[in-house]
Each structure stands twice: as C-alpha cells, then as structure tokens.
Amino acid sequence: MKVIGLTGGIATGKSTVSQYLISKGYEVIDADLVAREVVEVGQPGLVALVQSFGSSILTVDGQLDRKRLGTLIFSDVPKRQMVNELLHPYIFERIRRKREQSNQAILFIDMPLLFEVGYEKQVDEVWLVYVSKDVQLTRLMERDSLSMDLAKERLSSQWPIEQKRQLVTTIIDNSGSVKATYQQVEQALLKLKD
C-alpha cells in the first residue's frame, strides 16, 4: 500500500481535493474527522481534556464545547500544545488502525498539520494543496467572515505555506479553476501508478 499525506494550510482548498479523490474511488482518512471522533462522549480523548481543563469545556449534555475550548487555547500556545499532547496519541492510534484496516493500493491521509506534528515520516509521499499566502488570506477572510487581523492570527498558528512547499513531493496549485485543480490531481495520480 502506498500512503500519501495530503496537506495544505487553512483555506487552500484541501477539502476540494479530498472530495475529488473520494469521488474517484480513493480512500481518504480525514485527520480532522478522526480528531472529532476521539473527543466524542465516552471517548478517552474527551476524558483527558476534562481532567486537564475541567467540566466548563462541556455542553449541558456532556459534549465538548469546541467554541469554549477554542477560546481557552487559541492564543495560549502552552495550552494549545497541551491539548495536542493529550489528543495526538489517540488520533494517531485511530489513524493507524484505519490504515491497517484499509485494503486499498493507494491510501490518502488528509492532515492539515502534517508537518507541524511530524507525520510526514509516516507517509510515502506528501501532496500539498497550495495557494499563495495572499490568496489564502483573502479566501480565509471571505469564507469565515474574518477581519484581516483575525485571519492573519489564524494563519500564524500553522507553518507558512511557502515553508511546506519546500518539503513536499507534489504540489497541487489551487489558485486557478476547480477544473485546473482536478487536472493536476489526475496528473499526480498517473505518476503514482507508474
């Protein structure tokens, strides 16, 4: 099995590429979805968060209040690192199990923070969905209705896209049309099959 890490920054269009791959019959493990699964009610990830941050991060029905937790950790780097240290083992273990269960010749793992968490060592290739920082900033402001300052703050929580660009096997430039992006994905898939 060949395992491809699919990454990109906020608002680069990674979801567009993931959905296209799924529509073509490829299996894509979504790390963000796995991260949500490990903090569902009754899961050890949620228990670990409550032990560290208290029950104020829960909704009245015992679910994780993502907005509340986000407010607590967004601009507090040590707390954000603590959340990562608590949850990453559960996330990586669940991804490992999904990888083992897959019978696909090619498996994609959609992981926005692939480099930030060192997961590039666990995959055979890394594909980056790329747009320039200016395009990324504009898309993020439009998509999430953010001011420029808030959008820049969100972008600063990830490695710069240009830094990631230097470390990947394949770049999917998503600055143009969706059709052009899909054509690049098809070219990259052909190279995989060679």
N, C-alpha and C. Protein backbone atom coordinates (compact mmCIF):
# COMPACT_ATOMS: atom_id res chain seq x y z
N MET A 1 0.84 -1.19 0.00
CA MET A 1 0.00 0.00 0.00
C MET A 1 0.88 1.24 0.00
N LYS A 2 0.52 2.19 -0.84
CA LYS A 2 1.21 3.47 -0.86
C LYS A 2 0.35 4.47 -0.09
N VAL A 3 0.97 5.16 0.87
CA VAL A 3 0.23 6.11 1.71
C VAL A 3 0.70 7.52 1.37
N ILE A 4 -0.27 8.36 1.02
CA ILE A 4 0.01 9.74 0.62
C ILE A 4 -0.56 10.68 1.67
N GLY A 5 0.28 11.55 2.20
CA GLY A 5 -0.18 12.59 3.10
C GLY A 5 -0.64 13.77 2.26
N LEU A 6 -1.86 14.21 2.48
CA LEU A 6 -2.42 15.35 1.77
C LEU A 6 -2.52 16.49 2.77
N THR A 7 -1.85 17.59 2.47
CA THR A 7 -1.84 18.69 3.43
C THR A 7 -1.99 20.02 2.70
N GLY A 8 -2.06 21.06 3.48
CA GLY A 8 -2.22 22.42 2.96
C GLY A 8 -2.62 23.30 4.12
N GLY A 9 -2.57 24.57 3.93
CA GLY A 9 -2.95 25.48 5.00
C GLY A 9 -4.45 25.71 5.03
N ILE A 10 -4.86 26.52 5.99
CA ILE A 10 -6.26 26.93 6.09
C ILE A 10 -6.64 27.62 4.78
N ALA A 11 -7.79 27.26 4.24
CA ALA A 11 -8.38 27.93 3.07
C ALA A 11 -7.57 27.77 1.79
N THR A 12 -6.83 26.65 1.67
CA THR A 12 -6.10 26.40 0.42
C THR A 12 -6.90 25.53 -0.54
N GLY A 13 -7.93 24.86 -0.05
CA GLY A 13 -8.75 24.01 -0.91
C GLY A 13 -8.48 22.53 -0.76
N LYS A 14 -7.93 22.15 0.36
CA LYS A 14 -7.63 20.74 0.63
C LYS A 14 -8.90 19.89 0.56
N SER A 15 -9.98 20.40 1.09
CA SER A 15 -11.25 19.65 1.07
C SER A 15 -11.72 19.40 -0.36
N THR A 16 -11.50 20.35 -1.24
CA THR A 16 -11.86 20.19 -2.65
C THR A 16 -11.12 19.00 -3.24
N VAL A 17 -9.82 18.91 -2.96
CA VAL A 17 -9.01 17.81 -3.48
C VAL A 17 -9.42 16.49 -2.83
N SER A 18 -9.64 16.49 -1.52
CA SER A 18 -10.08 15.27 -0.82
C SER A 18 -11.39 14.75 -1.40
N GLN A 19 -12.35 15.63 -1.58
CA GLN A 19 -13.65 15.21 -2.11
C GLN A 19 -13.52 14.66 -3.53
N TYR A 20 -12.64 15.26 -4.31
CA TYR A 20 -12.41 14.77 -5.67
C TYR A 20 -11.82 13.36 -5.63
N LEU A 21 -10.83 13.15 -4.76
CA LEU A 21 -10.22 11.82 -4.63
C LEU A 21 -11.26 10.78 -4.22
N ILE A 22 -12.12 11.14 -3.26
CA ILE A 22 -13.18 10.23 -2.82
C ILE A 22 -14.13 9.91 -3.98
N SER A 23 -14.46 10.95 -4.76
CA SER A 23 -15.37 10.74 -5.90
C SER A 23 -14.76 9.82 -6.95
N LYS A 24 -13.44 9.73 -6.97
CA LYS A 24 -12.73 8.84 -7.90
C LYS A 24 -12.50 7.45 -7.31
N GLY A 25 -13.03 7.22 -6.12
CA GLY A 25 -12.94 5.89 -5.52
C GLY A 25 -11.77 5.67 -4.58
N TYR A 26 -11.01 6.70 -4.28
CA TYR A 26 -9.88 6.56 -3.36
C TYR A 26 -10.36 6.70 -1.92
N GLU A 27 -9.69 6.00 -1.04
CA GLU A 27 -9.99 6.13 0.38
C GLU A 27 -9.17 7.29 0.94
N VAL A 28 -9.84 8.16 1.67
CA VAL A 28 -9.18 9.30 2.30
C VAL A 28 -9.52 9.27 3.79
N ILE A 29 -8.49 9.16 4.61
CA ILE A 29 -8.67 9.27 6.06
C ILE A 29 -8.56 10.74 6.40
N ASP A 30 -9.59 11.30 6.98
CA ASP A 30 -9.65 12.72 7.33
C ASP A 30 -9.22 12.90 8.79
N ALA A 31 -8.02 13.45 9.00
CA ALA A 31 -7.49 13.60 10.36
C ALA A 31 -8.37 14.52 11.21
N ASP A 32 -8.99 15.53 10.60
CA ASP A 32 -9.88 16.40 11.36
C ASP A 32 -11.10 15.63 11.87
N LEU A 33 -11.62 14.75 11.03
CA LEU A 33 -12.76 13.92 11.44
C LEU A 33 -12.35 12.96 12.56
N VAL A 34 -11.17 12.37 12.43
CA VAL A 34 -10.65 11.48 13.48
C VAL A 34 -10.50 12.26 14.78
N ALA A 35 -10.01 13.50 14.69
CA ALA A 35 -9.84 14.34 15.89
C ALA A 35 -11.19 14.59 16.56
N ARG A 36 -12.25 14.73 15.77
CA ARG A 36 -13.59 14.90 16.35
C ARG A 36 -14.06 13.60 17.01
N GLU A 37 -13.75 12.48 16.37
CA GLU A 37 -14.18 11.18 16.91
C GLU A 37 -13.58 10.91 18.29
N VAL A 38 -12.31 11.27 18.49
CA VAL A 38 -11.64 10.92 19.75
C VAL A 38 -12.09 11.79 20.93
N VAL A 39 -12.89 12.83 20.65
CA VAL A 39 -13.41 13.66 21.74
C VAL A 39 -14.94 13.56 21.85
N GLU A 40 -15.51 12.51 21.27
CA GLU A 40 -16.94 12.27 21.44
C GLU A 40 -17.20 11.79 22.87
N VAL A 41 -18.44 11.90 23.30
CA VAL A 41 -18.82 11.47 24.65
C VAL A 41 -18.39 10.02 24.86
N GLY A 42 -17.72 9.78 25.99
CA GLY A 42 -17.28 8.43 26.32
C GLY A 42 -15.90 8.06 25.80
N GLN A 43 -15.33 8.89 24.94
CA GLN A 43 -14.01 8.59 24.37
C GLN A 43 -12.91 9.10 25.31
N PRO A 44 -11.76 8.40 25.33
CA PRO A 44 -10.69 8.79 26.25
C PRO A 44 -10.11 10.18 25.99
N GLY A 45 -10.19 10.65 24.76
CA GLY A 45 -9.71 11.99 24.46
C GLY A 45 -10.50 13.06 25.20
N LEU A 46 -11.82 12.88 25.25
CA LEU A 46 -12.66 13.84 25.97
C LEU A 46 -12.40 13.76 27.47
N VAL A 47 -12.24 12.55 27.98
CA VAL A 47 -11.94 12.37 29.40
C VAL A 47 -10.65 13.10 29.76
N ALA A 48 -9.62 12.95 28.91
CA ALA A 48 -8.33 13.61 29.16
C ALA A 48 -8.46 15.13 29.15
N LEU A 49 -9.26 15.66 28.22
CA LEU A 49 -9.46 17.11 28.17
C LEU A 49 -10.16 17.62 29.43
N VAL A 50 -11.19 16.91 29.87
CA VAL A 50 -11.93 17.33 31.06
C VAL A 50 -11.03 17.26 32.29
N GLN A 51 -10.19 16.24 32.38
CA GLN A 51 -9.27 16.13 33.51
C GLN A 51 -8.30 17.31 33.54
N SER A 52 -7.92 17.82 32.37
CA SER A 52 -6.96 18.92 32.31
C SER A 52 -7.60 20.30 32.38
N PHE A 53 -8.79 20.45 31.78
CA PHE A 53 -9.39 21.78 31.67
C PHE A 53 -10.67 21.96 32.48
N GLY A 54 -11.18 20.89 33.05
CA GLY A 54 -12.39 21.00 33.85
C GLY A 54 -13.65 20.84 33.02
N SER A 55 -14.77 20.70 33.70
CA SER A 55 -16.04 20.44 33.03
C SER A 55 -16.63 21.68 32.35
N SER A 56 -16.00 22.84 32.52
CA SER A 56 -16.51 24.05 31.86
C SER A 56 -16.37 23.96 30.34
N ILE A 57 -15.60 22.99 29.84
CA ILE A 57 -15.45 22.84 28.39
C ILE A 57 -16.52 21.92 27.80
N LEU A 58 -17.48 21.50 28.65
CA LEU A 58 -18.55 20.62 28.19
C LEU A 58 -19.85 21.40 28.02
N THR A 59 -20.67 20.93 27.09
CA THR A 59 -22.02 21.47 26.95
C THR A 59 -22.89 20.82 28.03
N VAL A 60 -24.13 21.26 28.16
CA VAL A 60 -25.01 20.71 29.19
C VAL A 60 -25.26 19.21 29.00
N ASP A 61 -25.17 18.73 27.76
CA ASP A 61 -25.38 17.30 27.52
C ASP A 61 -24.08 16.49 27.49
N GLY A 62 -22.98 17.09 27.99
CA GLY A 62 -21.74 16.36 28.16
C GLY A 62 -20.82 16.28 26.96
N GLN A 63 -21.17 17.00 25.89
CA GLN A 63 -20.31 17.00 24.71
C GLN A 63 -19.27 18.11 24.84
N LEU A 64 -18.21 17.98 24.05
CA LEU A 64 -17.17 19.01 24.04
C LEU A 64 -17.73 20.30 23.45
N ASP A 65 -17.57 21.39 24.18
CA ASP A 65 -17.93 22.71 23.68
C ASP A 65 -16.70 23.25 22.95
N ARG A 66 -16.63 23.00 21.65
CA ARG A 66 -15.45 23.35 20.86
C ARG A 66 -15.15 24.85 20.90
N LYS A 67 -16.21 25.63 20.87
CA LYS A 67 -16.03 27.08 20.89
C LYS A 67 -15.39 27.51 22.21
N ARG A 68 -15.87 26.98 23.29
CA ARG A 68 -15.33 27.31 24.62
C ARG A 68 -13.87 26.87 24.72
N LEU A 69 -13.57 25.64 24.31
CA LEU A 69 -12.18 25.17 24.35
C LEU A 69 -11.31 26.03 23.44
N GLY A 70 -11.82 26.34 22.26
CA GLY A 70 -11.06 27.17 21.32
C GLY A 70 -10.72 28.52 21.90
N THR A 71 -11.67 29.12 22.61
CA THR A 71 -11.43 30.41 23.25
C THR A 71 -10.33 30.29 24.30
N LEU A 72 -10.32 29.18 25.03
CA LEU A 72 -9.31 28.97 26.07
C LEU A 72 -7.90 28.80 25.51
N ILE A 73 -7.79 28.15 24.35
CA ILE A 73 -6.46 27.75 23.88
C ILE A 73 -5.93 28.52 22.68
N PHE A 74 -6.81 29.23 21.95
CA PHE A 74 -6.38 29.76 20.66
C PHE A 74 -5.13 30.63 20.75
N SER A 75 -5.12 31.60 21.65
CA SER A 75 -3.95 32.47 21.72
C SER A 75 -3.03 32.12 22.89
N ASP A 76 -3.25 30.96 23.49
CA ASP A 76 -2.41 30.49 24.59
C ASP A 76 -1.63 29.27 24.10
N VAL A 77 -0.42 29.52 23.61
CA VAL A 77 0.38 28.46 22.98
C VAL A 77 0.61 27.27 23.92
N PRO A 78 0.99 27.48 25.20
CA PRO A 78 1.18 26.31 26.07
C PRO A 78 -0.08 25.46 26.24
N LYS A 79 -1.24 26.10 26.35
CA LYS A 79 -2.49 25.33 26.48
C LYS A 79 -2.82 24.59 25.19
N ARG A 80 -2.55 25.24 24.05
CA ARG A 80 -2.79 24.59 22.76
C ARG A 80 -1.87 23.37 22.62
N GLN A 81 -0.62 23.52 23.04
CA GLN A 81 0.32 22.40 23.00
C GLN A 81 -0.15 21.27 23.92
N MET A 82 -0.71 21.65 25.07
CA MET A 82 -1.21 20.64 26.00
C MET A 82 -2.35 19.83 25.36
N VAL A 83 -3.26 20.52 24.69
CA VAL A 83 -4.36 19.82 24.01
C VAL A 83 -3.79 18.86 22.97
N ASN A 84 -2.81 19.34 22.20
CA ASN A 84 -2.19 18.48 21.19
C ASN A 84 -1.53 17.26 21.82
N GLU A 85 -0.80 17.48 22.91
CA GLU A 85 -0.13 16.36 23.59
C GLU A 85 -1.13 15.36 24.16
N LEU A 86 -2.27 15.86 24.60
CA LEU A 86 -3.31 14.96 25.12
C LEU A 86 -3.99 14.15 24.02
N LEU A 87 -4.29 14.82 22.90
CA LEU A 87 -5.12 14.18 21.88
C LEU A 87 -4.35 13.45 20.79
N HIS A 88 -3.15 13.91 20.46
CA HIS A 88 -2.43 13.29 19.33
C HIS A 88 -2.23 11.79 19.47
N PRO A 89 -1.89 11.26 20.66
CA PRO A 89 -1.76 9.80 20.74
C PRO A 89 -3.04 9.06 20.35
N TYR A 90 -4.19 9.58 20.76
CA TYR A 90 -5.47 8.95 20.40
C TYR A 90 -5.75 9.08 18.91
N ILE A 91 -5.45 10.25 18.36
CA ILE A 91 -5.67 10.49 16.93
C ILE A 91 -4.77 9.58 16.10
N PHE A 92 -3.48 9.54 16.43
CA PHE A 92 -2.54 8.73 15.65
C PHE A 92 -2.86 7.24 15.76
N GLU A 93 -3.29 6.81 16.93
CA GLU A 93 -3.66 5.40 17.10
C GLU A 93 -4.87 5.05 16.24
N ARG A 94 -5.85 5.93 16.21
CA ARG A 94 -7.05 5.66 15.39
C ARG A 94 -6.70 5.68 13.90
N ILE A 95 -5.84 6.60 13.49
CA ILE A 95 -5.40 6.62 12.09
C ILE A 95 -4.63 5.34 11.77
N ARG A 96 -3.77 4.90 12.69
CA ARG A 96 -3.00 3.66 12.48
C ARG A 96 -3.95 2.48 12.25
N ARG A 97 -5.00 2.40 13.07
CA ARG A 97 -5.96 1.30 12.92
C ARG A 97 -6.69 1.39 11.58
N LYS A 98 -7.06 2.60 11.17
CA LYS A 98 -7.74 2.76 9.88
C LYS A 98 -6.81 2.35 8.74
N ARG A 99 -5.52 2.69 8.87
CA ARG A 99 -4.55 2.29 7.84
C ARG A 99 -4.47 0.77 7.76
N GLU A 100 -4.41 0.12 8.90
CA GLU A 100 -4.32 -1.34 8.93
C GLU A 100 -5.55 -2.01 8.33
N GLN A 101 -6.70 -1.38 8.51
CA GLN A 101 -7.96 -1.95 8.01
C GLN A 101 -8.16 -1.73 6.52
N SER A 102 -7.41 -0.80 5.94
CA SER A 102 -7.59 -0.47 4.53
C SER A 102 -7.00 -1.57 3.65
N ASN A 103 -7.70 -1.85 2.56
CA ASN A 103 -7.18 -2.81 1.58
C ASN A 103 -6.89 -2.13 0.24
N GLN A 104 -6.75 -0.82 0.27
CA GLN A 104 -6.51 -0.04 -0.94
C GLN A 104 -5.03 -0.08 -1.33
N ALA A 105 -4.76 0.01 -2.62
CA ALA A 105 -3.37 0.09 -3.09
C ALA A 105 -2.79 1.47 -2.79
N ILE A 106 -3.66 2.47 -2.84
CA ILE A 106 -3.26 3.85 -2.55
C ILE A 106 -4.22 4.40 -1.50
N LEU A 107 -3.67 4.94 -0.43
CA LEU A 107 -4.47 5.49 0.66
C LEU A 107 -4.01 6.92 0.92
N PHE A 108 -4.96 7.83 1.04
CA PHE A 108 -4.65 9.23 1.33
C PHE A 108 -5.00 9.54 2.78
N ILE A 109 -4.16 10.34 3.42
CA ILE A 109 -4.45 10.84 4.76
C ILE A 109 -4.47 12.36 4.67
N ASP A 110 -5.65 12.93 4.82
CA ASP A 110 -5.85 14.38 4.77
C ASP A 110 -5.55 14.92 6.16
N MET A 111 -4.41 15.62 6.28
CA MET A 111 -3.96 16.09 7.59
C MET A 111 -3.41 17.52 7.46
N PRO A 112 -4.20 18.52 7.86
CA PRO A 112 -3.76 19.91 7.73
C PRO A 112 -2.42 20.19 8.41
N LEU A 113 -2.20 19.62 9.58
CA LEU A 113 -0.98 19.92 10.35
C LEU A 113 0.06 18.80 10.23
N LEU A 114 0.12 18.17 9.07
CA LEU A 114 1.00 17.03 8.85
C LEU A 114 2.44 17.33 9.26
N PHE A 115 2.99 18.44 8.80
CA PHE A 115 4.38 18.78 9.14
C PHE A 115 4.51 19.24 10.59
N GLU A 116 3.52 20.00 11.04
CA GLU A 116 3.57 20.53 12.40
C GLU A 116 3.64 19.41 13.45
N VAL A 117 3.03 18.26 13.14
CA VAL A 117 3.03 17.14 14.09
C VAL A 117 4.03 16.04 13.73
N GLY A 118 4.81 16.26 12.68
CA GLY A 118 5.84 15.30 12.30
C GLY A 118 5.33 14.05 11.60
N TYR A 119 4.12 14.09 11.07
CA TYR A 119 3.54 12.89 10.47
C TYR A 119 4.09 12.59 9.08
N GLU A 120 4.84 13.52 8.51
CA GLU A 120 5.40 13.28 7.17
C GLU A 120 6.29 12.04 7.15
N LYS A 121 6.82 11.67 8.31
CA LYS A 121 7.68 10.48 8.40
C LYS A 121 6.87 9.19 8.29
N GLN A 122 5.55 9.29 8.42
CA GLN A 122 4.68 8.11 8.41
C GLN A 122 4.05 7.83 7.04
N VAL A 123 4.38 8.66 6.04
CA VAL A 123 3.76 8.50 4.72
C VAL A 123 4.85 8.34 3.66
N ASP A 124 4.45 7.82 2.50
CA ASP A 124 5.40 7.61 1.41
C ASP A 124 5.65 8.87 0.60
N GLU A 125 4.62 9.69 0.46
CA GLU A 125 4.71 10.95 -0.28
C GLU A 125 3.84 11.98 0.43
N VAL A 126 4.14 13.25 0.15
CA VAL A 126 3.30 14.33 0.66
C VAL A 126 2.86 15.19 -0.52
N TRP A 127 1.55 15.38 -0.61
CA TRP A 127 0.97 16.29 -1.59
C TRP A 127 0.52 17.54 -0.84
N LEU A 128 0.85 18.69 -1.40
CA LEU A 128 0.45 19.97 -0.82
C LEU A 128 -0.57 20.65 -1.72
N VAL A 129 -1.72 21.00 -1.17
CA VAL A 129 -2.67 21.85 -1.89
C VAL A 129 -2.24 23.27 -1.59
N TYR A 130 -1.83 23.98 -2.65
CA TYR A 130 -1.14 25.26 -2.50
C TYR A 130 -1.93 26.41 -3.12
N VAL A 131 -1.93 27.52 -2.41
CA VAL A 131 -2.25 28.84 -2.96
C VAL A 131 -1.28 29.81 -2.30
N SER A 132 -1.07 30.95 -2.92
CA SER A 132 -0.17 31.94 -2.32
C SER A 132 -0.75 32.42 -0.99
N LYS A 133 0.11 32.98 -0.16
CA LYS A 133 -0.35 33.48 1.15
C LYS A 133 -1.43 34.55 0.99
N ASP A 134 -1.29 35.41 -0.03
CA ASP A 134 -2.30 36.46 -0.25
C ASP A 134 -3.66 35.86 -0.60
N VAL A 135 -3.66 34.86 -1.48
CA VAL A 135 -4.92 34.20 -1.86
C VAL A 135 -5.50 33.48 -0.64
N GLN A 136 -4.63 32.83 0.11
CA GLN A 136 -5.06 32.12 1.32
C GLN A 136 -5.73 33.09 2.30
N LEU A 137 -5.11 34.22 2.52
CA LEU A 137 -5.64 35.23 3.44
C LEU A 137 -7.00 35.73 2.97
N THR A 138 -7.10 36.06 1.68
CA THR A 138 -8.36 36.55 1.12
C THR A 138 -9.46 35.50 1.24
N ARG A 139 -9.14 34.25 0.90
CA ARG A 139 -10.15 33.17 0.99
C ARG A 139 -10.60 32.96 2.43
N LEU A 140 -9.65 33.00 3.36
CA LEU A 140 -10.00 32.79 4.76
C LEU A 140 -10.90 33.91 5.27
N MET A 141 -10.58 35.15 4.92
CA MET A 141 -11.40 36.29 5.35
C MET A 141 -12.82 36.16 4.79
N GLU A 142 -12.93 35.78 3.51
CA GLU A 142 -14.24 35.65 2.88
C GLU A 142 -15.01 34.45 3.43
N ARG A 143 -14.34 33.31 3.53
CA ARG A 143 -15.01 32.08 3.96
C ARG A 143 -15.54 32.17 5.39
N ASP A 144 -14.71 32.72 6.30
CA ASP A 144 -15.06 32.73 7.72
C ASP A 144 -15.50 34.11 8.22
N SER A 145 -15.67 35.06 7.30
CA SER A 145 -16.06 36.43 7.65
C SER A 145 -15.16 37.00 8.75
N LEU A 146 -13.86 36.96 8.51
CA LEU A 146 -12.88 37.43 9.49
C LEU A 146 -12.26 38.74 9.06
N SER A 147 -11.84 39.52 10.05
CA SER A 147 -11.04 40.70 9.75
C SER A 147 -9.66 40.22 9.32
N MET A 148 -8.89 41.12 8.72
CA MET A 148 -7.54 40.75 8.29
C MET A 148 -6.69 40.32 9.48
N ASP A 149 -6.81 41.04 10.60
CA ASP A 149 -6.00 40.70 11.78
C ASP A 149 -6.33 39.31 12.30
N LEU A 150 -7.62 38.98 12.40
CA LEU A 150 -8.01 37.65 12.87
C LEU A 150 -7.56 36.56 11.90
N ALA A 151 -7.69 36.84 10.61
CA ALA A 151 -7.27 35.86 9.60
C ALA A 151 -5.76 35.62 9.69
N LYS A 152 -5.00 36.69 9.86
CA LYS A 152 -3.54 36.55 9.99
C LYS A 152 -3.18 35.76 11.25
N GLU A 153 -3.93 35.99 12.32
CA GLU A 153 -3.68 35.26 13.56
C GLU A 153 -3.93 33.76 13.36
N ARG A 154 -5.00 33.42 12.64
CA ARG A 154 -5.29 32.01 12.36
C ARG A 154 -4.18 31.39 11.52
N LEU A 155 -3.74 32.13 10.50
CA LEU A 155 -2.68 31.61 9.63
C LEU A 155 -1.38 31.40 10.41
N SER A 156 -1.14 32.25 11.39
CA SER A 156 0.12 32.15 12.14
C SER A 156 0.17 30.91 13.03
N SER A 157 -0.97 30.25 13.22
CA SER A 157 -0.98 29.04 14.05
C SER A 157 -0.48 27.81 13.27
N GLN A 158 -0.25 27.97 11.96
CA GLN A 158 0.26 26.89 11.13
C GLN A 158 1.60 27.32 10.53
N TRP A 159 2.36 26.34 10.07
CA TRP A 159 3.58 26.67 9.34
C TRP A 159 3.20 27.48 8.10
N PRO A 160 4.07 28.40 7.69
CA PRO A 160 3.80 29.14 6.45
C PRO A 160 3.71 28.19 5.26
N ILE A 161 2.78 28.47 4.36
CA ILE A 161 2.56 27.61 3.20
C ILE A 161 3.83 27.50 2.35
N GLU A 162 4.61 28.57 2.27
CA GLU A 162 5.84 28.53 1.47
C GLU A 162 6.86 27.57 2.09
N GLN A 163 6.88 27.48 3.41
CA GLN A 163 7.78 26.54 4.08
C GLN A 163 7.37 25.10 3.77
N LYS A 164 6.08 24.84 3.82
CA LYS A 164 5.59 23.50 3.49
C LYS A 164 5.91 23.15 2.04
N ARG A 165 5.81 24.14 1.19
CA ARG A 165 6.03 23.92 -0.25
C ARG A 165 7.41 23.32 -0.53
N GLN A 166 8.39 23.69 0.29
CA GLN A 166 9.76 23.22 0.08
C GLN A 166 9.94 21.74 0.46
N LEU A 167 8.99 21.16 1.16
CA LEU A 167 9.18 19.84 1.76
C LEU A 167 8.34 18.72 1.14
N VAL A 168 7.61 19.02 0.09
CA VAL A 168 6.64 18.05 -0.41
C VAL A 168 7.09 17.36 -1.69
N THR A 169 6.42 16.27 -2.01
CA THR A 169 6.67 15.51 -3.22
C THR A 169 5.93 16.13 -4.40
N THR A 170 4.68 16.54 -4.16
CA THR A 170 3.80 17.01 -5.23
C THR A 170 3.06 18.26 -4.76
N ILE A 171 2.98 19.25 -5.66
CA ILE A 171 2.23 20.48 -5.37
C ILE A 171 1.01 20.52 -6.28
N ILE A 172 -0.16 20.68 -5.67
CA ILE A 172 -1.41 20.89 -6.41
C ILE A 172 -1.74 22.37 -6.24
N ASP A 173 -1.52 23.16 -7.29
CA ASP A 173 -1.76 24.61 -7.21
C ASP A 173 -3.25 24.86 -7.41
N ASN A 174 -3.90 25.32 -6.36
CA ASN A 174 -5.34 25.54 -6.38
C ASN A 174 -5.69 27.02 -6.55
N SER A 175 -4.82 27.76 -7.22
CA SER A 175 -5.06 29.19 -7.42
C SER A 175 -6.01 29.46 -8.57
N GLY A 176 -6.16 28.51 -9.48
CA GLY A 176 -6.99 28.71 -10.65
C GLY A 176 -8.37 28.11 -10.49
N SER A 177 -8.87 27.57 -11.59
CA SER A 177 -10.21 26.99 -11.59
C SER A 177 -10.21 25.62 -10.92
N VAL A 178 -11.38 25.18 -10.52
CA VAL A 178 -11.53 23.85 -9.94
C VAL A 178 -11.11 22.80 -10.98
N LYS A 179 -11.48 23.03 -12.23
CA LYS A 179 -11.12 22.10 -13.31
C LYS A 179 -9.60 21.96 -13.40
N ALA A 180 -8.89 23.08 -13.32
CA ALA A 180 -7.42 23.04 -13.38
C ALA A 180 -6.85 22.27 -12.19
N THR A 181 -7.45 22.44 -11.03
CA THR A 181 -7.01 21.69 -9.85
C THR A 181 -7.22 20.20 -10.06
N TYR A 182 -8.39 19.81 -10.55
CA TYR A 182 -8.68 18.40 -10.80
C TYR A 182 -7.69 17.81 -11.82
N GLN A 183 -7.33 18.58 -12.84
CA GLN A 183 -6.37 18.10 -13.84
C GLN A 183 -5.01 17.82 -13.20
N GLN A 184 -4.60 18.69 -12.27
CA GLN A 184 -3.33 18.46 -11.58
C GLN A 184 -3.40 17.21 -10.70
N VAL A 185 -4.54 16.99 -10.07
CA VAL A 185 -4.71 15.78 -9.26
C VAL A 185 -4.60 14.55 -10.16
N GLU A 186 -5.24 14.59 -11.32
CA GLU A 186 -5.17 13.45 -12.25
C GLU A 186 -3.73 13.18 -12.68
N GLN A 187 -2.97 14.24 -12.95
CA GLN A 187 -1.56 14.07 -13.33
C GLN A 187 -0.76 13.43 -12.18
N ALA A 188 -1.01 13.89 -10.98
CA ALA A 188 -0.31 13.34 -9.81
C ALA A 188 -0.68 11.87 -9.60
N LEU A 189 -1.94 11.53 -9.84
CA LEU A 189 -2.38 10.14 -9.71
C LEU A 189 -1.69 9.25 -10.75
N LEU A 190 -1.54 9.76 -11.97
CA LEU A 190 -0.85 9.00 -13.01
C LEU A 190 0.59 8.70 -12.60
N LYS A 191 1.26 9.68 -12.01
CA LYS A 191 2.64 9.47 -11.56
C LYS A 191 2.71 8.41 -10.46
N LEU A 192 1.70 8.38 -9.60
CA LEU A 192 1.65 7.38 -8.53
C LEU A 192 1.58 5.97 -9.09
N LYS A 193 0.86 5.83 -10.18
CA LYS A 193 0.62 4.50 -10.75
C LYS A 193 1.77 4.00 -11.61
N ASP A 194 2.71 4.88 -11.93
CA ASP A 194 3.88 4.47 -12.74
C ASP A 194 4.80 3.56 -11.98
